[in-house]
């Protein structure tokens, strides 16, 4: 009868040519990684668009460790990268407005805004969401939803933003050179309010990166399947709730907190300093 050898960590270590302590270390590390994996998955259930930087802030853990565990277990947030291609805009002559936000850094809220719109497909129909973002607080201050992408869509989003901020007029508002933003009604309204017009170079969407980044995360946070909303009313309510979530709960990597929290803390520090 062949005598069976007793398998121990010591015998395994000798067989592999490594120290016995390294086996304990690997076992402990494996256990820690499993715990962190579960923590990451729980955060992603609530915040599906979080990358490793936001996860690191949310969990209070070194981002390199987050990145390593995500790669180890192949955990990836879902990202929508579909963008509305404005083909007709490419054929028009460029507007005479420079990019005034490039290289600039606002030092207080309600001074520099950026605006854009995106499409949302629901039950084979397209709906359009226009938003206005404060470049200092990164908060969405105004928005509008419509069946049409026209000058009225972006004007209503701006008016909504002015109403929400108690008519604090920004110094600059930035956008791309879409026909809606180049319309006479829109540009004249801004000039009437004394707002300086800033525009991206034609066919350069990255020059409005604040809005591009917002829409990328927004569509993921709104959900992978829009058809889960039973009615158009529920769909619109979902859009409002997602914007509210972005403003009040979602961590912004540049701020390391939500936009609304950053604004409140900033206002509080100003009051203490006055």
Foldseek 3Di string as FASTA:
>chain_A
DDDDDDDDLCVVCVVVVHDSVVVVVVVVVVVVLVVVVVVLVVVCVQQLQDDLLLSCLVVVHDSVSSVVSCVVVVPDRDWDDDFDDQVVLLPDDDDPAAAPPVPDADPDWQAEKEKDKTWDDEPNAIKMKIFIATRHLLATQFMAIGSDPALVRNVRRVVSSCVSVVNSHYQEYEYERHPSCVDPVNVVVCVVVNHGYHYDDPPCCVSRVSVSVVVRSLVVNLHDDLHVQPDVVSSVVSSVVSSVCQQQPRQDSVQSGHSVVSNVVVVVVVVVVD
